[in-house]
Amino acid sequence: MSLKTLPSSIRKKERYIIFKIESEQEYSLGEVVDAIWKELLSFLGERTVAAANPWVMGDLFSTNNQVGGIRVHKGHVEDVRTALALIDHIDREDVCIHILGVSGTIQSARDKYLGALEDE
C-alpha cells in the first residue's frame, strides 16, 4: 500500500524568493543560512517564522554568484523579504541583500532569475 499525495487544492501554496548578496567577500551556504535565520527570528519572532516555514534551498545557492533562494508559504512572502532586506552583516562584514524576484515554482525561479545570472 503506497501513500497518496495531497491534491494541490489542499496543499499549502509556496513561493520562492531569489536573492543576491552584494559584498566584497564570498560566503558559504552555512554562513548565509545562519545570518538569515538570526534575522528572521529577531525580526519576525518564533511564531511568525513557524507559520512562514522558510527553507533556504541549498541547491539554488551559488557560491560563485552569491545568489540563493528561500522557499516560504505564500502569505508570508513580504515578511521574509523585509527580514532579508534588514541583513547588513555576515561574519562582521558589511553586506547588502537584493531581492531579485519571487516565483511560484522552482523551475520558473531557475529560468527567470538564476539562468540569467549564469550567462554573465
PDB file of N, CA and C in Angstrom:
ATOM      1  N   MET A   1       0.841  -1.171   0.000  1.00  0.00           N
ATOM      2  CA  MET A   1       0.000   0.000   0.000  1.00  0.00           C
ATOM      3  C   MET A   1       0.895   1.246   0.000  1.00  0.00           C
ATOM      4  N   SER A   2       0.710   2.089  -0.993  1.00  0.00           N
ATOM      5  CA  SER A   2       1.529   3.295  -1.100  1.00  0.00           C
ATOM      6  C   SER A   2       0.763   4.511  -0.572  1.00  0.00           C
ATOM      7  N   LEU A   3       1.518   5.480  -0.129  1.00  0.00           N
ATOM      8  CA  LEU A   3       0.916   6.708   0.363  1.00  0.00           C
ATOM      9  C   LEU A   3       0.459   7.573  -0.797  1.00  0.00           C
ATOM     10  N   LYS A   4      -0.679   8.200  -0.631  1.00  0.00           N
ATOM     11  CA  LYS A   4      -1.175   9.104  -1.655  1.00  0.00           C
ATOM     12  C   LYS A   4      -0.752  10.526  -1.308  1.00  0.00           C
ATOM     13  N   THR A   5      -0.433  11.298  -2.329  1.00  0.00           N
ATOM     14  CA  THR A   5      -0.097  12.698  -2.099  1.00  0.00           C
ATOM     15  C   THR A   5      -1.382  13.515  -2.023  1.00  0.00           C
ATOM     16  N   LEU A   6      -1.278  14.628  -1.312  1.00  0.00           N
ATOM     17  CA  LEU A   6      -2.437  15.509  -1.198  1.00  0.00           C
ATOM     18  C   LEU A   6      -2.710  16.189  -2.531  1.00  0.00           C
ATOM     19  N   PRO A   7      -3.982  16.403  -2.848  1.00  0.00           N
ATOM     20  CA  PRO A   7      -4.278  17.175  -4.060  1.00  0.00           C
ATOM     21  C   PRO A   7      -3.756  18.600  -3.927  1.00  0.00           C
ATOM     22  N   SER A   8      -3.461  19.228  -5.035  1.00  0.00           N
ATOM     23  CA  SER A   8      -2.883  20.570  -4.999  1.00  0.00           C
ATOM     24  C   SER A   8      -3.819  21.595  -4.370  1.00  0.00           C
ATOM     25  N   SER A   9      -5.114  21.351  -4.407  1.00  0.00           N
ATOM     26  CA  SER A   9      -6.052  22.293  -3.811  1.00  0.00           C
ATOM     27  C   SER A   9      -5.984  22.297  -2.288  1.00  0.00           C
ATOM     28  N   ILE A  10      -5.467  21.238  -1.678  1.00  0.00           N
ATOM     29  CA  ILE A  10      -5.370  21.143  -0.222  1.00  0.00           C
ATOM     30  C   ILE A  10      -3.990  21.565   0.278  1.00  0.00           C
ATOM     31  N   ARG A  11      -2.955  21.362  -0.542  1.00  0.00           N
ATOM     32  CA  ARG A  11      -1.592  21.695  -0.124  1.00  0.00           C
ATOM     33  C   ARG A  11      -1.425  23.194   0.080  1.00  0.00           C
ATOM     34  N   LYS A  12      -0.525  23.558   1.013  1.00  0.00           N
ATOM     35  CA  LYS A  12      -0.212  24.973   1.213  1.00  0.00           C
ATOM     36  C   LYS A  12       0.600  25.469   0.026  1.00  0.00           C
ATOM     37  N   LYS A  13       0.270  26.654  -0.417  1.00  0.00           N
ATOM     38  CA  LYS A  13       0.966  27.241  -1.556  1.00  0.00           C
ATOM     39  C   LYS A  13       2.296  27.826  -1.085  1.00  0.00           C
ATOM     40  N   GLU A  14       3.309  27.641  -1.904  1.00  0.00           N
ATOM     41  CA  GLU A  14       4.642  28.116  -1.557  1.00  0.00           C
ATOM     42  C   GLU A  14       5.166  29.039  -2.644  1.00  0.00           C
ATOM     43  N   ARG A  15       6.053  29.926  -2.246  1.00  0.00           N
ATOM     44  CA  ARG A  15       6.724  30.829  -3.166  1.00  0.00           C
ATOM     45  C   ARG A  15       8.229  30.713  -2.955  1.00  0.00           C
ATOM     46  N   TYR A  16       8.982  31.068  -3.963  1.00  0.00           N
ATOM     47  CA  TYR A  16      10.441  31.007  -3.920  1.00  0.00           C
ATOM     48  C   TYR A  16      10.990  32.420  -4.079  1.00  0.00           C
ATOM     49  N   ILE A  17      11.704  32.893  -3.058  1.00  0.00           N
ATOM     50  CA  ILE A  17      12.304  34.217  -3.078  1.00  0.00           C
ATOM     51  C   ILE A  17      13.764  34.047  -3.485  1.00  0.00           C
ATOM     52  N   ILE A  18      14.158  34.698  -4.566  1.00  0.00           N
ATOM     53  CA  ILE A  18      15.528  34.616  -5.061  1.00  0.00           C
ATOM     54  C   ILE A  18      16.247  35.904  -4.667  1.00  0.00           C
ATOM     55  N   PHE A  19      17.422  35.751  -4.055  1.00  0.00           N
ATOM     56  CA  PHE A  19      18.170  36.916  -3.567  1.00  0.00           C
ATOM     57  C   PHE A  19      19.621  36.858  -4.026  1.00  0.00           C
ATOM     58  N   LYS A  20      20.265  38.034  -4.012  1.00  0.00           N
ATOM     59  CA  LYS A  20      21.679  38.148  -4.363  1.00  0.00           C
ATOM     60  C   LYS A  20      22.381  38.913  -3.254  1.00  0.00           C
ATOM     61  N   ILE A  21      23.549  38.429  -2.847  1.00  0.00           N
ATOM     62  CA  ILE A  21      24.338  39.064  -1.800  1.00  0.00           C
ATOM     63  C   ILE A  21      25.413  39.923  -2.449  1.00  0.00           C
ATOM     64  N   GLU A  22      25.402  41.213  -2.122  1.00  0.00           N
ATOM     65  CA  GLU A  22      26.428  42.135  -2.609  1.00  0.00           C
ATOM     66  C   GLU A  22      27.447  42.325  -1.492  1.00  0.00           C
ATOM     67  N   SER A  23      28.681  41.912  -1.740  1.00  0.00           N
ATOM     68  CA  SER A  23      29.735  42.032  -0.744  1.00  0.00           C
ATOM     69  C   SER A  23      31.084  41.862  -1.427  1.00  0.00           C
ATOM     70  N   GLU A  24      32.116  42.277  -0.726  1.00  0.00           N
ATOM     71  CA  GLU A  24      33.464  42.099  -1.241  1.00  0.00           C
ATOM     72  C   GLU A  24      33.969  40.681  -1.011  1.00  0.00           C
ATOM     73  N   GLN A  25      33.313  39.951  -0.141  1.00  0.00           N
ATOM     74  CA  GLN A  25      33.743  38.612   0.233  1.00  0.00           C
ATOM     75  C   GLN A  25      32.698  37.591  -0.222  1.00  0.00           C
ATOM     76  N   GLU A  26      33.145  36.367  -0.504  1.00  0.00           N
ATOM     77  CA  GLU A  26      32.214  35.281  -0.827  1.00  0.00           C
ATOM     78  C   GLU A  26      31.886  34.516   0.440  1.00  0.00           C
ATOM     79  N   TYR A  27      30.634  34.098   0.573  1.00  0.00           N
ATOM     80  CA  TYR A  27      30.179  33.385   1.762  1.00  0.00           C
ATOM     81  C   TYR A  27      29.714  31.988   1.398  1.00  0.00           C
ATOM     82  N   SER A  28      29.878  31.083   2.352  1.00  0.00           N
ATOM     83  CA  SER A  28      29.396  29.712   2.144  1.00  0.00           C
ATOM     84  C   SER A  28      27.913  29.651   2.464  1.00  0.00           C
ATOM     85  N   LEU A  29      27.294  28.552   2.094  1.00  0.00           N
ATOM     86  CA  LEU A  29      25.873  28.360   2.360  1.00  0.00           C
ATOM     87  C   LEU A  29      25.590  28.410   3.857  1.00  0.00           C
ATOM     88  N   GLY A  30      26.436  27.810   4.664  1.00  0.00           N
ATOM     89  CA  GLY A  30      26.225  27.783   6.109  1.00  0.00           C
ATOM     90  C   GLY A  30      26.238  29.168   6.732  1.00  0.00           C
ATOM     91  N   GLU A  31      27.150  30.022   6.294  1.00  0.00           N
ATOM     92  CA  GLU A  31      27.220  31.383   6.817  1.00  0.00           C
ATOM     93  C   GLU A  31      25.976  32.183   6.449  1.00  0.00           C
ATOM     94  N   VAL A  32      25.493  31.996   5.231  1.00  0.00           N
ATOM     95  CA  VAL A  32      24.303  32.708   4.772  1.00  0.00           C
ATOM     96  C   VAL A  32      23.064  32.220   5.530  1.00  0.00           C
ATOM     97  N   VAL A  33      22.948  30.913   5.706  1.00  0.00           N
ATOM     98  CA  VAL A  33      21.795  30.352   6.434  1.00  0.00           C
ATOM     99  C   VAL A  33      21.774  30.865   7.867  1.00  0.00           C
ATOM    100  N   ASP A  34      22.918  30.897   8.532  1.00  0.00           N
ATOM    101  CA  ASP A  34      22.976  31.402   9.905  1.00  0.00           C
ATOM    102  C   ASP A  34      22.511  32.855   9.982  1.00  0.00           C
ATOM    103  N   ALA A  35      22.986  33.689   9.069  1.00  0.00           N
ATOM    104  CA  ALA A  35      22.602  35.103   9.079  1.00  0.00           C
ATOM    105  C   ALA A  35      21.107  35.273   8.810  1.00  0.00           C
ATOM    106  N   ILE A  36      20.577  34.487   7.875  1.00  0.00           N
ATOM    107  CA  ILE A  36      19.149  34.589   7.546  1.00  0.00           C
ATOM    108  C   ILE A  36      18.301  34.168   8.735  1.00  0.00           C
ATOM    109  N   TRP A  37      18.632  33.047   9.369  1.00  0.00           N
ATOM    110  CA  TRP A  37      17.835  32.573  10.494  1.00  0.00           C
ATOM    111  C   TRP A  37      17.899  33.525  11.682  1.00  0.00           C
ATOM    112  N   LYS A  38      19.062  34.088  11.954  1.00  0.00           N
ATOM    113  CA  LYS A  38      19.170  35.055  13.056  1.00  0.00           C
ATOM    114  C   LYS A  38      18.268  36.254  12.814  1.00  0.00           C
ATOM    115  N   GLU A  39      18.280  36.763  11.596  1.00  0.00           N
ATOM    116  CA  GLU A  39      17.461  37.944  11.291  1.00  0.00           C
ATOM    117  C   GLU A  39      15.978  37.600  11.269  1.00  0.00           C
ATOM    118  N   LEU A  40      15.612  36.446  10.733  1.00  0.00           N
ATOM    119  CA  LEU A  40      14.202  36.048  10.727  1.00  0.00           C
ATOM    120  C   LEU A  40      13.659  35.945  12.144  1.00  0.00           C
ATOM    121  N   LEU A  41      14.418  35.299  13.018  1.00  0.00           N
ATOM    122  CA  LEU A  41      13.945  35.125  14.391  1.00  0.00           C
ATOM    123  C   LEU A  41      13.911  36.442  15.158  1.00  0.00           C
ATOM    124  N   SER A  42      14.886  37.309  14.941  1.00  0.00           N
ATOM    125  CA  SER A  42      14.887  38.570  15.686  1.00  0.00           C
ATOM    126  C   SER A  42      13.818  39.528  15.161  1.00  0.00           C
ATOM    127  N   PHE A  43      13.557  39.533  13.860  1.00  0.00           N
ATOM    128  CA  PHE A  43      12.585  40.463  13.291  1.00  0.00           C
ATOM    129  C   PHE A  43      11.153  39.948  13.389  1.00  0.00           C
ATOM    130  N   LEU A  44      10.940  38.679  13.050  1.00  0.00           N
ATOM    131  CA  LEU A  44       9.582  38.147  12.987  1.00  0.00           C
ATOM    132  C   LEU A  44       9.137  37.436  14.256  1.00  0.00           C
ATOM    133  N   GLY A  45      10.080  36.851  14.978  1.00  0.00           N
ATOM    134  CA  GLY A  45       9.710  36.070  16.150  1.00  0.00           C
ATOM    135  C   GLY A  45       9.442  34.623  15.783  1.00  0.00           C
ATOM    136  N   GLU A  46       9.463  33.770  16.783  1.00  0.00           N
ATOM    137  CA  GLU A  46       9.340  32.334  16.544  1.00  0.00           C
ATOM    138  C   GLU A  46       7.989  31.940  15.956  1.00  0.00           C
ATOM    139  N   ARG A  47       6.935  32.577  16.413  1.00  0.00           N
ATOM    140  CA  ARG A  47       5.588  32.202  15.963  1.00  0.00           C
ATOM    141  C   ARG A  47       5.389  32.490  14.471  1.00  0.00           C
ATOM    142  N   THR A  48       5.807  33.664  14.027  1.00  0.00           N
ATOM    143  CA  THR A  48       5.647  34.008  12.621  1.00  0.00           C
ATOM    144  C   THR A  48       6.591  33.211  11.737  1.00  0.00           C
ATOM    145  N   VAL A  49       7.800  32.962  12.230  1.00  0.00           N
ATOM    146  CA  VAL A  49       8.745  32.151  11.458  1.00  0.00           C
ATOM    147  C   VAL A  49       8.197  30.731  11.295  1.00  0.00           C
ATOM    148  N   ALA A  50       7.580  30.215  12.333  1.00  0.00           N
ATOM    149  CA  ALA A  50       6.988  28.882  12.244  1.00  0.00           C
ATOM    150  C   ALA A  50       5.843  28.862  11.229  1.00  0.00           C
ATOM    151  N   ALA A  51       5.059  29.919  11.184  1.00  0.00           N
ATOM    152  CA  ALA A  51       3.955  29.987  10.217  1.00  0.00           C
ATOM    153  C   ALA A  51       4.473  30.173   8.795  1.00  0.00           C
ATOM    154  N   ALA A  52       5.551  30.932   8.647  1.00  0.00           N
ATOM    155  CA  ALA A  52       6.115  31.173   7.319  1.00  0.00           C
ATOM    156  C   ALA A  52       6.829  29.944   6.774  1.00  0.00           C
ATOM    157  N   ASN A  53       7.386  29.125   7.672  1.00  0.00           N
ATOM    158  CA  ASN A  53       8.094  27.904   7.313  1.00  0.00           C
ATOM    159  C   ASN A  53       9.159  28.138   6.231  1.00  0.00           C
ATOM    160  N   PRO A  54      10.098  29.076   6.474  1.00  0.00           N
ATOM    161  CA  PRO A  54      11.122  29.344   5.462  1.00  0.00           C
ATOM    162  C   PRO A  54      12.132  28.203   5.378  1.00  0.00           C
ATOM    163  N   TRP A  55      12.651  27.994   4.183  1.00  0.00           N
ATOM    164  CA  TRP A  55      13.659  26.967   3.961  1.00  0.00           C
ATOM    165  C   TRP A  55      14.636  27.486   2.915  1.00  0.00           C
ATOM    166  N   VAL A  56      15.887  27.660   3.320  1.00  0.00           N
ATOM    167  CA  VAL A  56      16.915  28.107   2.378  1.00  0.00           C
ATOM    168  C   VAL A  56      17.273  26.917   1.498  1.00  0.00           C
ATOM    169  N   MET A  57      17.100  27.089   0.220  1.00  0.00           N
ATOM    170  CA  MET A  57      17.295  25.999  -0.740  1.00  0.00           C
ATOM    171  C   MET A  57      18.773  25.862  -1.076  1.00  0.00           C
ATOM    172  N   GLY A  58      19.375  24.780  -0.609  1.00  0.00           N
ATOM    173  CA  GLY A  58      20.791  24.544  -0.844  1.00  0.00           C
ATOM    174  C   GLY A  58      21.128  24.356  -2.309  1.00  0.00           C
ATOM    175  N   ASP A  59      20.219  23.745  -3.076  1.00  0.00           N
ATOM    176  CA  ASP A  59      20.505  23.506  -4.484  1.00  0.00           C
ATOM    177  C   ASP A  59      20.348  24.764  -5.338  1.00  0.00           C
ATOM    178  N   LEU A  60      19.747  25.823  -4.787  1.00  0.00           N
ATOM    179  CA  LEU A  60      19.644  27.080  -5.513  1.00  0.00           C
ATOM    180  C   LEU A  60      20.785  28.037  -5.186  1.00  0.00           C
ATOM    181  N   PHE A  61      21.585  27.723  -4.161  1.00  0.00           N
ATOM    182  CA  PHE A  61      22.646  28.639  -3.746  1.00  0.00           C
ATOM    183  C   PHE A  61      23.878  28.457  -4.619  1.00  0.00           C
ATOM    184  N   SER A  62      24.396  29.577  -5.094  1.00  0.00           N
ATOM    185  CA  SER A  62      25.611  29.582  -5.908  1.00  0.00           C
ATOM    186  C   SER A  62      26.680  30.381  -5.179  1.00  0.00           C
ATOM    187  N   THR A  63      27.771  29.725  -4.803  1.00  0.00           N
ATOM    188  CA  THR A  63      28.855  30.414  -4.106  1.00  0.00           C
ATOM    189  C   THR A  63      29.550  31.405  -5.032  1.00  0.00           C
ATOM    190  N   ASN A  64      29.660  31.081  -6.305  1.00  0.00           N
ATOM    191  CA  ASN A  64      30.340  31.963  -7.260  1.00  0.00           C
ATOM    192  C   ASN A  64      29.572  33.262  -7.481  1.00  0.00           C
ATOM    193  N   ASN A  65      28.263  33.146  -7.680  1.00  0.00           N
ATOM    194  CA  ASN A  65      27.438  34.324  -7.953  1.00  0.00           C
ATOM    195  C   ASN A  65      26.855  34.950  -6.690  1.00  0.00           C
ATOM    196  N   GLN A  66      26.965  34.247  -5.547  1.00  0.00           N
ATOM    197  CA  GLN A  66      26.368  34.694  -4.290  1.00  0.00           C
ATOM    198  C   GLN A  66      24.863  34.935  -4.458  1.00  0.00           C
ATOM    199  N   VAL A  67      24.200  33.963  -5.062  1.00  0.00           N
ATOM    200  CA  VAL A  67      22.764  34.012  -5.295  1.00  0.00           C
ATOM    201  C   VAL A  67      22.146  32.784  -4.645  1.00  0.00           C
ATOM    202  N   GLY A  68      20.967  32.956  -4.066  1.00  0.00           N
ATOM    203  CA  GLY A  68      20.289  31.835  -3.418  1.00  0.00           C
ATOM    204  C   GLY A  68      18.793  32.009  -3.452  1.00  0.00           C
ATOM    205  N   GLY A  69      18.101  31.026  -2.879  1.00  0.00           N
ATOM    206  CA  GLY A  69      16.649  31.059  -2.856  1.00  0.00           C
ATOM    207  C   GLY A  69      16.102  30.532  -1.548  1.00  0.00           C
ATOM    208  N   ILE A  70      14.937  31.052  -1.172  1.00  0.00           N
ATOM    209  CA  ILE A  70      14.262  30.625   0.045  1.00  0.00           C
ATOM    210  C   ILE A  70      12.840  30.233  -0.326  1.00  0.00           C
ATOM    211  N   ARG A  71      12.405  29.072   0.134  1.00  0.00           N
ATOM    212  CA  ARG A  71      11.021  28.636  -0.028  1.00  0.00           C
ATOM    213  C   ARG A  71      10.239  29.116   1.187  1.00  0.00           C
ATOM    214  N   VAL A  72       9.067  29.708   0.966  1.00  0.00           N
ATOM    215  CA  VAL A  72       8.273  30.263   2.061  1.00  0.00           C
ATOM    216  C   VAL A  72       6.787  30.121   1.717  1.00  0.00           C
ATOM    217  N   HIS A  73       5.932  30.040   2.727  1.00  0.00           N
ATOM    218  CA  HIS A  73       4.496  29.974   2.485  1.00  0.00           C
ATOM    219  C   HIS A  73       4.012  31.286   1.873  1.00  0.00           C
ATOM    220  N   LYS A  74       2.996  31.185   1.040  1.00  0.00           N
ATOM    221  CA  LYS A  74       2.529  32.297   0.225  1.00  0.00           C
ATOM    222  C   LYS A  74       2.168  33.547   1.029  1.00  0.00           C
ATOM    223  N   GLY A  75       1.546  33.423   2.157  1.00  0.00           N
ATOM    224  CA  GLY A  75       1.081  34.572   2.922  1.00  0.00           C
ATOM    225  C   GLY A  75       2.167  35.324   3.669  1.00  0.00           C
ATOM    226  N   HIS A  76       3.380  34.807   3.685  1.00  0.00           N
ATOM    227  CA  HIS A  76       4.454  35.417   4.460  1.00  0.00           C
ATOM    228  C   HIS A  76       5.618  35.901   3.591  1.00  0.00           C
ATOM    229  N   VAL A  77       5.399  36.055   2.312  1.00  0.00           N
ATOM    230  CA  VAL A  77       6.475  36.472   1.409  1.00  0.00           C
ATOM    231  C   VAL A  77       6.999  37.849   1.784  1.00  0.00           C
ATOM    232  N   GLU A  78       6.116  38.798   2.043  1.00  0.00           N
ATOM    233  CA  GLU A  78       6.555  40.156   2.359  1.00  0.00           C
ATOM    234  C   GLU A  78       7.304  40.217   3.688  1.00  0.00           C
ATOM    235  N   ASP A  79       6.891  39.407   4.659  1.00  0.00           N
ATOM    236  CA  ASP A  79       7.602  39.366   5.942  1.00  0.00           C
ATOM    237  C   ASP A  79       9.040  38.900   5.750  1.00  0.00           C
ATOM    238  N   VAL A  80       9.222  37.841   4.992  1.00  0.00           N
ATOM    239  CA  VAL A  80      10.558  37.286   4.778  1.00  0.00           C
ATOM    240  C   VAL A  80      11.398  38.223   3.916  1.00  0.00           C
ATOM    241  N   ARG A  81      10.782  38.860   2.925  1.00  0.00           N
ATOM    242  CA  ARG A  81      11.516  39.837   2.108  1.00  0.00           C
ATOM    243  C   ARG A  81      12.041  40.978   2.963  1.00  0.00           C
ATOM    244  N   THR A  82      11.213  41.448   3.880  1.00  0.00           N
ATOM    245  CA  THR A  82      11.631  42.537   4.756  1.00  0.00           C
ATOM    246  C   THR A  82      12.777  42.104   5.654  1.00  0.00           C
ATOM    247  N   ALA A  83      12.683  40.897   6.211  1.00  0.00           N
ATOM    248  CA  ALA A  83      13.755  40.394   7.074  1.00  0.00           C
ATOM    249  C   ALA A  83      15.061  40.253   6.302  1.00  0.00           C
ATOM    250  N   LEU A  84      14.990  39.804   5.061  1.00  0.00           N
ATOM    251  CA  LEU A  84      16.201  39.691   4.238  1.00  0.00           C
ATOM    252  C   LEU A  84      16.820  41.059   3.973  1.00  0.00           C
ATOM    253  N   ALA A  85      15.973  42.053   3.745  1.00  0.00           N
ATOM    254  CA  ALA A  85      16.482  43.392   3.475  1.00  0.00           C
ATOM    255  C   ALA A  85      17.169  43.995   4.695  1.00  0.00           C
ATOM    256  N   LEU A  86      16.837  43.519   5.882  1.00  0.00           N
ATOM    257  CA  LEU A  86      17.421  44.054   7.106  1.00  0.00           C
ATOM    258  C   LEU A  86      18.796  43.459   7.434  1.00  0.00           C
ATOM    259  N   ILE A  87      19.196  42.420   6.728  1.00  0.00           N
ATOM    260  CA  ILE A  87      20.516  41.821   6.976  1.00  0.00           C
ATOM    261  C   ILE A  87      21.581  42.773   6.434  1.00  0.00           C
ATOM    262  N   ASP A  88      22.460  43.243   7.316  1.00  0.00           N
ATOM    263  CA  ASP A  88      23.519  44.152   6.877  1.00  0.00           C
ATOM    264  C   ASP A  88      24.916  43.652   7.226  1.00  0.00           C
ATOM    265  N   HIS A  89      25.010  42.528   7.955  1.00  0.00           N
ATOM    266  CA  HIS A  89      26.316  41.958   8.299  1.00  0.00           C
ATOM    267  C   HIS A  89      26.268  40.432   8.213  1.00  0.00           C
ATOM    268  N   ILE A  90      27.304  39.860   7.669  1.00  0.00           N
ATOM    269  CA  ILE A  90      27.534  38.421   7.744  1.00  0.00           C
ATOM    270  C   ILE A  90      28.978  38.266   8.188  1.00  0.00           C
ATOM    271  N   ASP A  91      29.186  37.621   9.309  1.00  0.00           N
ATOM    272  CA  ASP A  91      30.528  37.456   9.883  1.00  0.00           C
ATOM    273  C   ASP A  91      31.267  38.784  10.010  1.00  0.00           C
ATOM    274  N   ARG A  92      30.594  39.780  10.529  1.00  0.00           N
ATOM    275  CA  ARG A  92      31.154  41.117  10.794  1.00  0.00           C
ATOM    276  C   ARG A  92      31.604  41.855   9.534  1.00  0.00           C
ATOM    277  N   GLU A  93      31.168  41.399   8.387  1.00  0.00           N
ATOM    278  CA  GLU A  93      31.454  42.080   7.128  1.00  0.00           C
ATOM    279  C   GLU A  93      30.160  42.697   6.608  1.00  0.00           C
ATOM    280  N   ASP A  94      30.257  43.903   6.058  1.00  0.00           N
ATOM    281  CA  ASP A  94      29.081  44.581   5.523  1.00  0.00           C
ATOM    282  C   ASP A  94      28.580  43.874   4.266  1.00  0.00           C
ATOM    283  N   VAL A  95      27.281  43.682   4.199  1.00  0.00           N
ATOM    284  CA  VAL A  95      26.650  43.082   3.033  1.00  0.00           C
ATOM    285  C   VAL A  95      25.371  43.843   2.707  1.00  0.00           C
ATOM    286  N   CYS A  96      24.890  43.645   1.512  1.00  0.00           N
ATOM    287  CA  CYS A  96      23.597  44.161   1.084  1.00  0.00           C
ATOM    288  C   CYS A  96      22.913  43.030   0.320  1.00  0.00           C
ATOM    289  N   ILE A  97      21.695  42.703   0.706  1.00  0.00           N
ATOM    290  CA  ILE A  97      20.970  41.624   0.044  1.00  0.00           C
ATOM    291  C   ILE A  97      19.875  42.230  -0.815  1.00  0.00           C
ATOM    292  N   HIS A  98      19.910  41.913  -2.101  1.00  0.00           N
ATOM    293  CA  HIS A  98      18.905  42.380  -3.053  1.00  0.00           C
ATOM    294  C   HIS A  98      17.966  41.229  -3.388  1.00  0.00           C
ATOM    295  N   ILE A  99      16.692  41.501  -3.417  1.00  0.00           N
ATOM    296  CA  ILE A  99      15.709  40.508  -3.834  1.00  0.00           C
ATOM    297  C   ILE A  99      15.587  40.597  -5.352  1.00  0.00           C
ATOM    298  N   LEU A 100      15.929  39.519  -6.034  1.00  0.00           N
ATOM    299  CA  LEU A 100      15.839  39.502  -7.490  1.00  0.00           C
ATOM    300  C   LEU A 100      14.416  39.268  -7.956  1.00  0.00           C
ATOM    301  N   GLY A 101      13.656  38.499  -7.181  1.00  0.00           N
ATOM    302  CA  GLY A 101      12.270  38.255  -7.551  1.00  0.00           C
ATOM    303  C   GLY A 101      11.650  37.138  -6.747  1.00  0.00           C
ATOM    304  N   VAL A 102      10.357  36.956  -6.967  1.00  0.00           N
ATOM    305  CA  VAL A 102       9.581  35.918  -6.301  1.00  0.00           C
ATOM    306  C   VAL A 102       8.907  35.099  -7.383  1.00  0.00           C
ATOM    307  N   SER A 103       8.930  33.788  -7.197  1.00  0.00           N
ATOM    308  CA  SER A 103       8.361  32.888  -8.191  1.00  0.00           C
ATOM    309  C   SER A 103       7.462  31.869  -7.522  1.00  0.00           C
ATOM    310  N   GLY A 104       6.518  31.342  -8.281  1.00  0.00           N
ATOM    311  CA  GLY A 104       5.594  30.350  -7.757  1.00  0.00           C
ATOM    312  C   GLY A 104       6.112  28.928  -7.863  1.00  0.00           C
ATOM    313  N   THR A 105       7.039  28.683  -8.775  1.00  0.00           N
ATOM    314  CA  THR A 105       7.606  27.347  -8.914  1.00  0.00           C
ATOM    315  C   THR A 105       9.124  27.438  -8.940  1.00  0.00           C
ATOM    316  N   ILE A 106       9.753  26.368  -8.556  1.00  0.00           N
ATOM    317  CA  ILE A 106      11.216  26.352  -8.521  1.00  0.00           C
ATOM    318  C   ILE A 106      11.784  26.386  -9.943  1.00  0.00           C
ATOM    319  N   GLN A 107      11.092  25.796 -10.886  1.00  0.00           N
ATOM    320  CA  GLN A 107      11.568  25.792 -12.273  1.00  0.00           C
ATOM    321  C   GLN A 107      11.535  27.189 -12.871  1.00  0.00           C
ATOM    322  N   SER A 108      10.464  27.927 -12.631  1.00  0.00           N
ATOM    323  CA  SER A 108      10.413  29.286 -13.175  1.00  0.00           C
ATOM    324  C   SER A 108      11.411  30.202 -12.472  1.00  0.00           C
ATOM    325  N   ALA A 109      11.706  29.937 -11.199  1.00  0.00           N
ATOM    326  CA  ALA A 109      12.733  30.710 -10.495  1.00  0.00           C
ATOM    327  C   ALA A 109      14.090  30.489 -11.136  1.00  0.00           C
ATOM    328  N   ARG A 110      14.395  29.253 -11.472  1.00  0.00           N
ATOM    329  CA  ARG A 110      15.667  28.957 -12.141  1.00  0.00           C
ATOM    330  C   ARG A 110      15.723  29.603 -13.518  1.00  0.00           C
ATOM    331  N   ASP A 111      14.637  29.508 -14.264  1.00  0.00           N
ATOM    332  CA  ASP A 111      14.625  30.055 -15.623  1.00  0.00           C
ATOM    333  C   ASP A 111      14.730  31.581 -15.626  1.00  0.00           C
ATOM    334  N   LYS A 112      13.929  32.250 -14.795  1.00  0.00           N
ATOM    335  CA  LYS A 112      13.869  33.712 -14.812  1.00  0.00           C
ATOM    336  C   LYS A 112      15.099  34.367 -14.196  1.00  0.00           C
ATOM    337  N   TYR A 113      15.494  33.910 -13.006  1.00  0.00           N
ATOM    338  CA  TYR A 113      16.478  34.649 -12.227  1.00  0.00           C
ATOM    339  C   TYR A 113      17.859  34.003 -12.220  1.00  0.00           C
ATOM    340  N   LEU A 114      17.917  32.705 -12.067  1.00  0.00           N
ATOM    341  CA  LEU A 114      19.216  32.047 -11.969  1.00  0.00           C
ATOM    342  C   LEU A 114      19.833  31.792 -13.335  1.00  0.00           C
ATOM    343  N   GLY A 115      19.016  31.534 -14.327  1.00  0.00           N
ATOM    344  CA  GLY A 115      19.524  31.298 -15.679  1.00  0.00           C
ATOM    345  C   GLY A 115      20.186  32.527 -16.249  1.00  0.00           C
ATOM    346  N   ALA A 116      19.626  33.710 -15.988  1.00  0.00           N
ATOM    347  CA  ALA A 116      20.204  34.951 -16.498  1.00  0.00           C
ATOM    348  C   ALA A 116      21.546  35.243 -15.846  1.00  0.00           C
ATOM    349  N   LEU A 117      21.718  34.853 -14.587  1.00  0.00           N
ATOM    350  CA  LEU A 117      22.984  35.101 -13.899  1.00  0.00           C
ATOM    351  C   LEU A 117      24.089  34.174 -14.374  1.00  0.00           C
ATOM    352  N   GLU A 118      23.741  32.956 -14.790  1.00  0.00           N
ATOM    353  CA  GLU A 118      24.739  32.021 -15.272  1.00  0.00           C
ATOM    354  C   GLU A 118      25.311  32.447 -16.621  1.00  0.00           C
ATOM    355  N   ASP A 119      24.544  33.228 -17.390  1.00  0.00           N
ATOM    356  CA  ASP A 119      25.011  33.693 -18.686  1.00  0.00           C
ATOM    357  C   ASP A 119      26.050  34.790 -18.554  1.00  0.00           C
ATOM    358  N   GLU A 120      26.087  35.487 -17.420  1.00  0.00           N
ATOM    359  CA  GLU A 120      27.017  36.599 -17.238  1.00  0.00           C
ATOM    360  C   GLU A 120      28.448  36.133 -17.155  1.00  0.00           C
TER     361      GLU A 120
END
